[in-house]
Amino acid sequence: MSPKNVAVIGLGSMGYGIAQSALRGGHKVWGRDVVEATTAKFIAEGGQASLPDYADIDVAVLVVLNAAQTEDVLFGQNGIAAQMRKGATVIACATVPPEFARDMEARAQSLGLHYLDAPISGGAVKAANGALSVMASGSADAFEGAKDVMDSIAETVFPLGYEAGAGSAMKAVNQMLAGVHIAAMAEAITFGMTQGVSPTSFIDVISKCAGTSWMLENRAPHIADGDYKPRSSVNIWPKDLGIVLDIADQAAFDAPITKTALAQYAKAVEAGLGLEDDAAVAKVYAAQAGLNLPSGTPS
């Protein structure tokens, strides 16, 4: 492994873990976030204190919210793409439409940069443990430029092609399933409560039965514990499932189950739950049914 100068832009629940894992992997890491306290916390843990000189950055990892933020970081008024040296690599992790990823790749390449379309999956814990799954596509040079950082932050890198867009397409498939699974879990756990099945009993039994899923096993305990501290917030899903449905519309593909799940997340946002853990979509079902969910850690 060759140590790299790495900038991680966006220190949310996933980005912070990525920055920690890159630092632990022996890289020199600049972490930057709009929340100054988060940046300061990372600096206190060993991150670089100075503002990065992007001409010296080997790899920039963008862990921002969406396509608009990705484009702004790269090509906005203070965009880093024009500041980076030729041959440096951009790893773009946000969930975005495939066509957008291809456009970003072309614009980056016009400046002599390598662009890896690299959406991530695994959650905050895996990010902190350097154990993410990455759905990656880009040129051979982009894969090579990203390799040492990827070795630090990911357990599995799925190489999906030598052009940006394929990684984002696979992420859309993953997010369709993940968003539906969380909503379905919330529906099932609250339905069980109407039949006298406690959330704890639901988890004990269903996690060992055919109806389980990774999302059920990961998120249902949040409901049982009454803990809605956001690991992944409700607000993520109107964005991500909106992207999925936009892609589906372009393909003339009907996705009725996804549309139904999206409607539930929209109701959760309307109820003021957008900044809570995405398991809080269960509160939509509970309110409709007049149920009292377990209480615990304040949301």
C-alpha atoms as a PDB file:
ATOM      1  CA  MET A   1       0.000   0.000   0.000  1.00  0.00           C
ATOM      2  CA  SER A   2       1.281   3.434  -0.931  1.00  0.00           C
ATOM      3  CA  PRO A   3       0.148   6.159   1.517  1.00  0.00           C
ATOM      4  CA  LYS A   4      -1.872   8.875  -0.197  1.00  0.00           C
ATOM      5  CA  ASN A   5      -2.875  12.448   0.489  1.00  0.00           C
ATOM      6  CA  VAL A   6      -6.638  12.096   0.829  1.00  0.00           C
ATOM      7  CA  ALA A   7      -9.412  14.673   1.140  1.00  0.00           C
ATOM      8  CA  VAL A   8     -12.731  13.359   2.450  1.00  0.00           C
ATOM      9  CA  ILE A   9     -15.447  15.914   1.790  1.00  0.00           C
ATOM     10  CA  GLY A  10     -18.640  15.338   3.752  1.00  0.00           C
ATOM     11  CA  LEU A  11     -18.247  13.989   7.293  1.00  0.00           C
ATOM     12  CA  GLY A  12     -21.720  12.678   7.907  1.00  0.00           C
ATOM     13  CA  SER A  13     -22.338   9.246   9.399  1.00  0.00           C
ATOM     14  CA  MET A  14     -20.762   7.532   6.383  1.00  0.00           C
ATOM     15  CA  GLY A  15     -18.126  10.095   5.481  1.00  0.00           C
ATOM     16  CA  TYR A  16     -16.774  10.316   9.013  1.00  0.00           C
ATOM     17  CA  GLY A  17     -16.258   6.570   9.111  1.00  0.00           C
ATOM     18  CA  ILE A  18     -14.584   6.661   5.704  1.00  0.00           C
ATOM     19  CA  ALA A  19     -12.208   9.386   6.905  1.00  0.00           C
ATOM     20  CA  GLN A  20     -11.414   7.394  10.060  1.00  0.00           C
ATOM     21  CA  SER A  21     -10.768   4.235   8.047  1.00  0.00           C
ATOM     22  CA  ALA A  22      -8.521   6.028   5.557  1.00  0.00           C
ATOM     23  CA  LEU A  23      -6.568   7.550   8.449  1.00  0.00           C
ATOM     24  CA  ARG A  24      -6.244   4.165  10.131  1.00  0.00           C
ATOM     25  CA  GLY A  25      -5.055   2.766   6.783  1.00  0.00           C
ATOM     26  CA  GLY A  26      -1.980   4.979   6.915  1.00  0.00           C
ATOM     27  CA  HIS A  27      -3.085   7.802   4.650  1.00  0.00           C
ATOM     28  CA  LYS A  28      -2.708  11.521   5.341  1.00  0.00           C
ATOM     29  CA  VAL A  29      -6.325  12.655   5.546  1.00  0.00           C
ATOM     30  CA  TRP A  30      -7.981  16.049   5.384  1.00  0.00           C
ATOM     31  CA  GLY A  31     -11.621  15.814   6.473  1.00  0.00           C
ATOM     32  CA  ARG A  32     -13.966  18.666   5.613  1.00  0.00           C
ATOM     33  CA  ASP A  33     -17.604  19.268   6.491  1.00  0.00           C
ATOM     34  CA  VAL A  34     -19.980  22.228   6.571  1.00  0.00           C
ATOM     35  CA  VAL A  35     -20.371  21.563  10.306  1.00  0.00           C
ATOM     36  CA  GLU A  36     -17.153  22.995  11.697  1.00  0.00           C
ATOM     37  CA  ALA A  37     -17.443  21.051  14.954  1.00  0.00           C
ATOM     38  CA  THR A  38     -17.389  17.782  13.013  1.00  0.00           C
ATOM     39  CA  THR A  39     -14.256  18.840  11.142  1.00  0.00           C
ATOM     40  CA  ALA A  40     -12.648  19.845  14.443  1.00  0.00           C
ATOM     41  CA  LYS A  41     -13.509  16.484  15.973  1.00  0.00           C
ATOM     42  CA  PHE A  42     -11.818  14.652  13.105  1.00  0.00           C
ATOM     43  CA  ILE A  43      -8.739  16.859  13.379  1.00  0.00           C
ATOM     44  CA  ALA A  44      -8.555  16.001  17.092  1.00  0.00           C
ATOM     45  CA  GLU A  45      -8.519  12.328  16.121  1.00  0.00           C
ATOM     46  CA  GLY A  46      -5.516  12.739  13.849  1.00  0.00           C
ATOM     47  CA  GLY A  47      -6.839  14.402  10.707  1.00  0.00           C
ATOM     48  CA  GLN A  48      -4.857  17.202   9.098  1.00  0.00           C
ATOM     49  CA  ALA A  49      -5.516  20.595  10.680  1.00  0.00           C
ATOM     50  CA  SER A  50      -4.641  22.808   7.722  1.00  0.00           C
ATOM     51  CA  LEU A  51      -6.913  23.481   4.776  1.00  0.00           C
ATOM     52  CA  PRO A  52      -5.964  21.084   1.981  1.00  0.00           C
ATOM     53  CA  ASP A  53      -4.001  22.340  -0.980  1.00  0.00           C
ATOM     54  CA  TYR A  54      -5.873  20.359  -3.584  1.00  0.00           C
ATOM     55  CA  ALA A  55      -2.882  20.463  -5.905  1.00  0.00           C
ATOM     56  CA  ASP A  56      -1.264  18.065  -3.424  1.00  0.00           C
ATOM     57  CA  ILE A  57      -4.265  15.762  -3.028  1.00  0.00           C
ATOM     58  CA  ASP A  58      -3.953  12.326  -4.619  1.00  0.00           C
ATOM     59  CA  VAL A  59      -7.519  11.176  -3.947  1.00  0.00           C
ATOM     60  CA  ALA A  60     -10.645  13.193  -3.140  1.00  0.00           C
ATOM     61  CA  VAL A  61     -13.521  11.172  -1.666  1.00  0.00           C
ATOM     62  CA  LEU A  62     -16.881  12.905  -2.019  1.00  0.00           C
ATOM     63  CA  VAL A  63     -19.411  11.659   0.545  1.00  0.00           C
ATOM     64  CA  VAL A  64     -22.010  14.383   0.063  1.00  0.00           C
ATOM     65  CA  LEU A  65     -25.792  14.160  -0.080  1.00  0.00           C
ATOM     66  CA  ASN A  66     -26.724  14.244  -3.747  1.00  0.00           C
ATOM     67  CA  ALA A  67     -25.884  15.103  -7.349  1.00  0.00           C
ATOM     68  CA  ALA A  68     -26.174  18.861  -6.817  1.00  0.00           C
ATOM     69  CA  GLN A  69     -23.658  18.808  -3.979  1.00  0.00           C
ATOM     70  CA  THR A  70     -21.321  16.513  -5.932  1.00  0.00           C
ATOM     71  CA  GLU A  71     -21.326  18.915  -8.872  1.00  0.00           C
ATOM     72  CA  ASP A  72     -20.875  21.944  -6.621  1.00  0.00           C
ATOM     73  CA  VAL A  73     -17.892  20.436  -4.794  1.00  0.00           C
ATOM     74  CA  LEU A  74     -16.222  19.558  -8.069  1.00  0.00           C
ATOM     75  CA  PHE A  75     -17.208  22.351 -10.417  1.00  0.00           C
ATOM     76  CA  GLY A  76     -18.904  25.073  -8.363  1.00  0.00           C
ATOM     77  CA  GLN A  77     -17.538  28.520  -7.588  1.00  0.00           C
ATOM     78  CA  ASN A  78     -14.800  27.071  -5.385  1.00  0.00           C
ATOM     79  CA  GLY A  79     -14.791  23.674  -7.060  1.00  0.00           C
ATOM     80  CA  ILE A  80     -11.851  21.426  -6.316  1.00  0.00           C
ATOM     81  CA  ALA A  81     -11.582  19.852  -9.780  1.00  0.00           C
ATOM     82  CA  ALA A  82      -9.821  22.895 -11.238  1.00  0.00           C
ATOM     83  CA  GLN A  83      -7.426  22.933  -8.266  1.00  0.00           C
ATOM     84  CA  MET A  84      -6.407  19.262  -8.394  1.00  0.00           C
ATOM     85  CA  ARG A  85      -3.342  18.095 -10.286  1.00  0.00           C
ATOM     86  CA  LYS A  86      -3.704  16.073 -13.455  1.00  0.00           C
ATOM     87  CA  GLY A  87      -3.715  12.370 -12.702  1.00  0.00           C
ATOM     88  CA  ALA A  88      -5.424  12.725  -9.325  1.00  0.00           C
ATOM     89  CA  THR A  89      -8.519  10.643  -8.610  1.00  0.00           C
ATOM     90  CA  VAL A  90     -12.039  11.532  -7.531  1.00  0.00           C
ATOM     91  CA  ILE A  91     -14.091   8.882  -5.735  1.00  0.00           C
ATOM     92  CA  ALA A  92     -17.749   9.951  -5.867  1.00  0.00           C
ATOM     93  CA  CYS A  93     -19.953   8.118  -3.351  1.00  0.00           C
ATOM     94  CA  ALA A  94     -23.352   9.857  -3.462  1.00  0.00           C
ATOM     95  CA  THR A  95     -26.422   8.154  -4.891  1.00  0.00           C
ATOM     96  CA  VAL A  96     -26.932   9.857  -8.259  1.00  0.00           C
ATOM     97  CA  PRO A  97     -28.507   9.045 -11.633  1.00  0.00           C
ATOM     98  CA  PRO A  98     -26.207   7.067 -13.966  1.00  0.00           C
ATOM     99  CA  GLU A  99     -26.327   9.782 -16.635  1.00  0.00           C
ATOM    100  CA  PHE A 100     -25.136  12.342 -14.095  1.00  0.00           C
ATOM    101  CA  ALA A 101     -22.193  10.113 -13.171  1.00  0.00           C
ATOM    102  CA  ARG A 102     -21.219   9.827 -16.832  1.00  0.00           C
ATOM    103  CA  ASP A 103     -21.345  13.614 -17.187  1.00  0.00           C
ATOM    104  CA  MET A 104     -19.157  14.111 -14.108  1.00  0.00           C
ATOM    105  CA  GLU A 105     -16.674  11.588 -15.462  1.00  0.00           C
ATOM    106  CA  ALA A 106     -16.430  13.402 -18.806  1.00  0.00           C
ATOM    107  CA  ARG A 107     -15.949  16.781 -17.139  1.00  0.00           C
ATOM    108  CA  ALA A 108     -13.338  15.411 -14.750  1.00  0.00           C
ATOM    109  CA  GLN A 109     -11.473  13.699 -17.565  1.00  0.00           C
ATOM    110  CA  SER A 110     -11.407  16.954 -19.544  1.00  0.00           C
ATOM    111  CA  LEU A 111      -9.281  18.347 -16.678  1.00  0.00           C
ATOM    112  CA  GLY A 112      -7.026  15.316 -16.603  1.00  0.00           C
ATOM    113  CA  LEU A 113      -8.651  13.762 -13.524  1.00  0.00           C
ATOM    114  CA  HIS A 114      -9.712  10.154 -12.990  1.00  0.00           C
ATOM    115  CA  TYR A 115     -13.312   9.724 -11.816  1.00  0.00           C
ATOM    116  CA  LEU A 116     -14.597   6.622 -10.057  1.00  0.00           C
ATOM    117  CA  ASP A 117     -18.379   6.286  -9.838  1.00  0.00           C
ATOM    118  CA  ALA A 118     -18.399   4.583  -6.437  1.00  0.00           C
ATOM    119  CA  PRO A 119     -21.682   4.480  -4.502  1.00  0.00           C
ATOM    120  CA  ILE A 120     -21.356   2.804  -1.117  1.00  0.00           C
ATOM    121  CA  SER A 121     -23.421   0.459   1.029  1.00  0.00           C
ATOM    122  CA  GLY A 122     -23.091  -0.956   4.520  1.00  0.00           C
ATOM    123  CA  GLY A 123     -24.067   1.747   6.981  1.00  0.00           C
ATOM    124  CA  ALA A 124     -22.168   3.868   9.474  1.00  0.00           C
ATOM    125  CA  VAL A 125     -20.718   0.957  11.467  1.00  0.00           C
ATOM    126  CA  LYS A 126     -19.165  -0.666   8.423  1.00  0.00           C
ATOM    127  CA  ALA A 127     -17.887   2.707   7.242  1.00  0.00           C
ATOM    128  CA  ALA A 128     -16.125   3.169  10.585  1.00  0.00           C
ATOM    129  CA  ASN A 129     -14.688  -0.348  10.375  1.00  0.00           C
ATOM    130  CA  GLY A 130     -13.391   0.008   6.819  1.00  0.00           C
ATOM    131  CA  ALA A 131     -15.806  -2.689   5.706  1.00  0.00           C
ATOM    132  CA  LEU A 132     -18.038  -0.985   3.150  1.00  0.00           C
ATOM    133  CA  SER A 133     -19.289  -2.491  -0.079  1.00  0.00           C
ATOM    134  CA  VAL A 134     -18.561  -0.278  -3.081  1.00  0.00           C
ATOM    135  CA  MET A 135     -20.336  -0.498  -6.431  1.00  0.00           C
ATOM    136  CA  ALA A 136     -17.640   0.927  -8.673  1.00  0.00           C
ATOM    137  CA  SER A 137     -17.276   1.832 -12.314  1.00  0.00           C
ATOM    138  CA  GLY A 138     -14.769   3.966 -14.145  1.00  0.00           C
ATOM    139  CA  SER A 139     -11.614   3.797 -16.203  1.00  0.00           C
ATOM    140  CA  ALA A 140      -8.780   1.422 -15.421  1.00  0.00           C
ATOM    141  CA  ASP A 141      -6.768   4.478 -14.313  1.00  0.00           C
ATOM    142  CA  ALA A 142      -9.565   5.496 -11.931  1.00  0.00           C
ATOM    143  CA  PHE A 143      -9.607   2.049 -10.346  1.00  0.00           C
ATOM    144  CA  GLU A 144      -5.822   2.106 -10.014  1.00  0.00           C
ATOM    145  CA  GLY A 145      -5.781   5.611  -8.562  1.00  0.00           C
ATOM    146  CA  ALA A 146      -8.440   4.699  -6.009  1.00  0.00           C
ATOM    147  CA  LYS A 147      -7.050   1.286  -5.053  1.00  0.00           C
ATOM    148  CA  ASP A 148      -4.987   2.149  -1.968  1.00  0.00           C
ATOM    149  CA  VAL A 149      -7.789   4.212  -0.445  1.00  0.00           C
ATOM    150  CA  MET A 150     -10.377   1.567  -1.329  1.00  0.00           C
ATOM    151  CA  ASP A 151      -8.244  -1.036   0.431  1.00  0.00           C
ATOM    152  CA  SER A 152      -8.574   1.076   3.610  1.00  0.00           C
ATOM    153  CA  ILE A 153     -12.292   1.832   3.490  1.00  0.00           C
ATOM    154  CA  ALA A 154     -13.950  -1.140   1.796  1.00  0.00           C
ATOM    155  CA  GLU A 155     -14.331  -4.837   2.454  1.00  0.00           C
ATOM    156  CA  THR A 156     -15.688  -5.513  -1.031  1.00  0.00           C
ATOM    157  CA  VAL A 157     -15.306  -3.511  -4.233  1.00  0.00           C
ATOM    158  CA  PHE A 158     -17.544  -4.678  -7.051  1.00  0.00           C
ATOM    159  CA  PRO A 159     -15.952  -3.686 -10.393  1.00  0.00           C
ATOM    160  CA  LEU A 160     -18.935  -3.072 -12.650  1.00  0.00           C
ATOM    161  CA  GLY A 161     -17.355  -1.661 -15.777  1.00  0.00           C
ATOM    162  CA  TYR A 162     -14.881   0.778 -17.236  1.00  0.00           C
ATOM    163  CA  GLU A 163     -17.273   3.679 -17.641  1.00  0.00           C
ATOM    164  CA  ALA A 164     -19.023   5.701 -14.952  1.00  0.00           C
ATOM    165  CA  GLY A 165     -22.753   5.076 -14.587  1.00  0.00           C
ATOM    166  CA  ALA A 166     -22.777   1.341 -13.996  1.00  0.00           C
ATOM    167  CA  GLY A 167     -21.976   1.805 -10.307  1.00  0.00           C
ATOM    168  CA  SER A 168     -24.818   4.283  -9.916  1.00  0.00           C
ATOM    169  CA  ALA A 169     -27.202   1.979 -11.772  1.00  0.00           C
ATOM    170  CA  MET A 170     -26.423  -0.849  -9.351  1.00  0.00           C
ATOM    171  CA  LYS A 171     -26.812   1.514  -6.390  1.00  0.00           C
ATOM    172  CA  ALA A 172     -30.274   2.437  -7.672  1.00  0.00           C
ATOM    173  CA  VAL A 173     -31.209  -1.252  -7.632  1.00  0.00           C
ATOM    174  CA  ASN A 174     -29.827  -1.591  -4.104  1.00  0.00           C
ATOM    175  CA  GLN A 175     -31.647   1.501  -2.860  1.00  0.00           C
ATOM    176  CA  MET A 176     -34.923   0.317  -4.366  1.00  0.00           C
ATOM    177  CA  LEU A 177     -34.653  -2.843  -2.297  1.00  0.00           C
ATOM    178  CA  ALA A 178     -33.262  -1.210   0.834  1.00  0.00           C
ATOM    179  CA  GLY A 179     -35.915   1.497   0.963  1.00  0.00           C
ATOM    180  CA  VAL A 180     -38.713  -0.975   0.342  1.00  0.00           C
ATOM    181  CA  HIS A 181     -37.304  -3.383   2.948  1.00  0.00           C
ATOM    182  CA  ILE A 182     -37.229  -0.734   5.676  1.00  0.00           C
ATOM    183  CA  ALA A 183     -40.791   0.357   4.926  1.00  0.00           C
ATOM    184  CA  ALA A 184     -41.945  -3.270   4.760  1.00  0.00           C
ATOM    185  CA  MET A 185     -40.243  -4.000   8.089  1.00  0.00           C
ATOM    186  CA  ALA A 186     -41.990  -0.997   9.663  1.00  0.00           C
ATOM    187  CA  GLU A 187     -45.328  -2.188   8.297  1.00  0.00           C
ATOM    188  CA  ALA A 188     -44.788  -5.733   9.527  1.00  0.00           C
ATOM    189  CA  ILE A 189     -43.533  -4.855  13.001  1.00  0.00           C
ATOM    190  CA  THR A 190     -46.474  -2.516  13.634  1.00  0.00           C
ATOM    191  CA  PHE A 191     -48.937  -4.989  12.114  1.00  0.00           C
ATOM    192  CA  GLY A 192     -47.551  -7.552  14.547  1.00  0.00           C
ATOM    193  CA  MET A 193     -48.238  -5.172  17.417  1.00  0.00           C
ATOM    194  CA  THR A 194     -51.927  -5.073  16.447  1.00  0.00           C
ATOM    195  CA  GLN A 195     -51.920  -8.835  16.954  1.00  0.00           C
ATOM    196  CA  GLY A 196     -50.143  -8.788  20.300  1.00  0.00           C
ATOM    197  CA  VAL A 197     -46.671  -9.477  18.887  1.00  0.00           C
ATOM    198  CA  SER A 198     -44.157  -7.278  20.686  1.00  0.00           C
ATOM    199  CA  PRO A 199     -41.301  -5.711  18.690  1.00  0.00           C
ATOM    200  CA  THR A 200     -38.800  -7.774  20.704  1.00  0.00           C
ATOM    201  CA  SER A 201     -40.645 -11.012  19.948  1.00  0.00           C
ATOM    202  CA  PHE A 202     -40.938  -9.971  16.298  1.00  0.00           C
ATOM    203  CA  ILE A 203     -37.157  -9.588  16.068  1.00  0.00           C
ATOM    204  CA  ASP A 204     -36.420 -12.826  17.929  1.00  0.00           C
ATOM    205  CA  VAL A 205     -38.619 -14.887  15.625  1.00  0.00           C
ATOM    206  CA  ILE A 206     -38.663 -13.199  12.211  1.00  0.00           C
ATOM    207  CA  SER A 207     -34.887 -12.693  12.138  1.00  0.00           C
ATOM    208  CA  LYS A 208     -34.640 -16.518  12.127  1.00  0.00           C
ATOM    209  CA  CYS A 209     -37.373 -17.020   9.528  1.00  0.00           C
ATOM    210  CA  ALA A 210     -37.782 -16.572   5.785  1.00  0.00           C
ATOM    211  CA  GLY A 211     -39.272 -13.094   6.174  1.00  0.00           C
ATOM    212  CA  THR A 212     -36.042 -11.557   7.435  1.00  0.00           C
ATOM    213  CA  SER A 213     -33.703  -9.175   5.625  1.00  0.00           C
ATOM    214  CA  TRP A 214     -30.519  -7.307   6.498  1.00  0.00           C
ATOM    215  CA  MET A 215     -32.543  -4.118   6.839  1.00  0.00           C
ATOM    216  CA  LEU A 216     -35.010  -5.815   9.189  1.00  0.00           C
ATOM    217  CA  GLU A 217     -32.231  -7.147  11.402  1.00  0.00           C
ATOM    218  CA  ASN A 218     -30.436  -3.790  11.400  1.00  0.00           C
ATOM    219  CA  ARG A 219     -33.376  -1.375  11.798  1.00  0.00           C
ATOM    220  CA  ALA A 220     -36.031  -3.260  13.783  1.00  0.00           C
ATOM    221  CA  PRO A 221     -33.910  -3.091  16.978  1.00  0.00           C
ATOM    222  CA  HIS A 222     -34.043   0.706  16.722  1.00  0.00           C
ATOM    223  CA  ILE A 223     -37.830   0.475  17.030  1.00  0.00           C
ATOM    224  CA  ALA A 224     -37.715  -2.070  19.840  1.00  0.00           C
ATOM    225  CA  ASP A 225     -35.269   0.178  21.719  1.00  0.00           C
ATOM    226  CA  GLY A 226     -37.157   3.388  20.964  1.00  0.00           C
ATOM    227  CA  ASP A 227     -33.858   4.738  19.622  1.00  0.00           C
ATOM    228  CA  TYR A 228     -34.245   7.036  16.615  1.00  0.00           C
ATOM    229  CA  LYS A 229     -30.834   8.653  16.722  1.00  0.00           C
ATOM    230  CA  PRO A 230     -30.094   8.915  12.987  1.00  0.00           C
ATOM    231  CA  ARG A 231     -27.641   6.417  11.536  1.00  0.00           C
ATOM    232  CA  SER A 232     -29.388   6.929   8.202  1.00  0.00           C
ATOM    233  CA  SER A 233     -32.164   9.495   8.291  1.00  0.00           C
ATOM    234  CA  VAL A 234     -35.701   9.383   6.925  1.00  0.00           C
ATOM    235  CA  ASN A 235     -34.735  12.294   4.657  1.00  0.00           C
ATOM    236  CA  ILE A 236     -32.439  10.019   2.655  1.00  0.00           C
ATOM    237  CA  TRP A 237     -35.322   8.017   1.219  1.00  0.00           C
ATOM    238  CA  PRO A 238     -37.444  10.619  -0.579  1.00  0.00           C
ATOM    239  CA  LYS A 239     -34.200  11.608  -2.311  1.00  0.00           C
ATOM    240  CA  ASP A 240     -32.937   8.119  -3.140  1.00  0.00           C
ATOM    241  CA  LEU A 241     -36.276   6.563  -4.057  1.00  0.00           C
ATOM    242  CA  GLY A 242     -37.030   9.691  -6.066  1.00  0.00           C
ATOM    243  CA  ILE A 243     -33.845   9.039  -8.067  1.00  0.00           C
ATOM    244  CA  VAL A 244     -34.851   5.398  -8.487  1.00  0.00           C
ATOM    245  CA  LEU A 245     -38.282   6.358  -9.807  1.00  0.00           C
ATOM    246  CA  ASP A 246     -36.815   8.980 -12.150  1.00  0.00           C
ATOM    247  CA  ILE A 247     -34.557   6.302 -13.625  1.00  0.00           C
ATOM    248  CA  ALA A 248     -37.523   3.925 -13.848  1.00  0.00           C
ATOM    249  CA  ASP A 249     -39.597   6.550 -15.671  1.00  0.00           C
ATOM    250  CA  GLN A 250     -36.804   7.047 -18.202  1.00  0.00           C
ATOM    251  CA  ALA A 251     -36.836   3.290 -18.803  1.00  0.00           C
ATOM    252  CA  ALA A 252     -40.665   3.227 -19.065  1.00  0.00           C
ATOM    253  CA  PHE A 253     -40.622   0.854 -16.094  1.00  0.00           C
ATOM    254  CA  ASP A 254     -43.441   0.848 -13.555  1.00  0.00           C
ATOM    255  CA  ALA A 255     -42.345   0.410  -9.932  1.00  0.00           C
ATOM    256  CA  PRO A 256     -45.535   0.399  -7.844  1.00  0.00           C
ATOM    257  CA  ILE A 257     -44.019  -1.069  -4.666  1.00  0.00           C
ATOM    258  CA  THR A 258     -41.279   1.556  -4.668  1.00  0.00           C
ATOM    259  CA  LYS A 259     -43.881   4.294  -5.160  1.00  0.00           C
ATOM    260  CA  THR A 260     -45.821   3.041  -2.146  1.00  0.00           C
ATOM    261  CA  ALA A 261     -42.696   2.969   0.024  1.00  0.00           C
ATOM    262  CA  LEU A 262     -41.786   6.483  -1.104  1.00  0.00           C
ATOM    263  CA  ALA A 263     -45.244   7.704  -0.084  1.00  0.00           C
ATOM    264  CA  GLN A 264     -44.678   6.383   3.452  1.00  0.00           C
ATOM    265  CA  TYR A 265     -41.361   8.190   3.767  1.00  0.00           C
ATOM    266  CA  ALA A 266     -43.007  11.356   2.453  1.00  0.00           C
ATOM    267  CA  LYS A 267     -45.615  11.057   5.209  1.00  0.00           C
ATOM    268  CA  ALA A 268     -42.840  10.643   7.761  1.00  0.00           C
ATOM    269  CA  VAL A 269     -41.155  13.821   6.522  1.00  0.00           C
ATOM    270  CA  GLU A 270     -44.484  15.676   6.651  1.00  0.00           C
ATOM    271  CA  ALA A 271     -44.854  14.505  10.263  1.00  0.00           C
ATOM    272  CA  GLY A 272     -41.544  16.145  11.160  1.00  0.00           C
ATOM    273  CA  LEU A 273     -39.541  12.912  11.298  1.00  0.00           C
ATOM    274  CA  GLY A 274     -37.100  13.698   8.494  1.00  0.00           C
ATOM    275  CA  LEU A 275     -34.021  14.009  10.699  1.00  0.00           C
ATOM    276  CA  GLU A 276     -34.763  10.873  12.718  1.00  0.00           C
ATOM    277  CA  ASP A 277     -33.414   7.407  11.964  1.00  0.00           C
ATOM    278  CA  ASP A 278     -35.164   5.920   8.936  1.00  0.00           C
ATOM    279  CA  ALA A 279     -36.711   3.259  11.193  1.00  0.00           C
ATOM    280  CA  ALA A 280     -38.955   6.128  12.326  1.00  0.00           C
ATOM    281  CA  VAL A 281     -41.125   5.447   9.281  1.00  0.00           C
ATOM    282  CA  ALA A 282     -42.749   2.956  11.693  1.00  0.00           C
ATOM    283  CA  LYS A 283     -44.239   5.963  13.491  1.00  0.00           C
ATOM    284  CA  VAL A 284     -46.398   6.628  10.412  1.00  0.00           C
ATOM    285  CA  TYR A 285     -47.954   3.179  10.722  1.00  0.00           C
ATOM    286  CA  ALA A 286     -48.221   3.457  14.504  1.00  0.00           C
ATOM    287  CA  ALA A 287     -50.023   6.780  14.315  1.00  0.00           C
ATOM    288  CA  GLN A 288     -52.516   5.413  11.781  1.00  0.00           C
ATOM    289  CA  ALA A 289     -53.216   2.381  13.958  1.00  0.00           C
ATOM    290  CA  GLY A 290     -53.226   4.221  17.296  1.00  0.00           C
ATOM    291  CA  LEU A 291     -50.247   2.238  18.581  1.00  0.00           C
ATOM    292  CA  ASN A 292     -47.684   3.280  21.166  1.00  0.00           C
ATOM    293  CA  LEU A 293     -44.205   2.300  20.045  1.00  0.00           C
ATOM    294  CA  PRO A 294     -41.543   1.501  22.660  1.00  0.00           C
ATOM    295  CA  SER A 295     -39.890   4.561  24.159  1.00  0.00           C
ATOM    296  CA  GLY A 296     -36.211   4.812  24.939  1.00  0.00           C
ATOM    297  CA  THR A 297     -33.455   7.119  23.800  1.00  0.00           C
ATOM    298  CA  PRO A 298     -34.976  10.501  22.915  1.00  0.00           C
ATOM    299  CA  SER A 299     -35.233  10.977  19.149  1.00  0.00           C
END
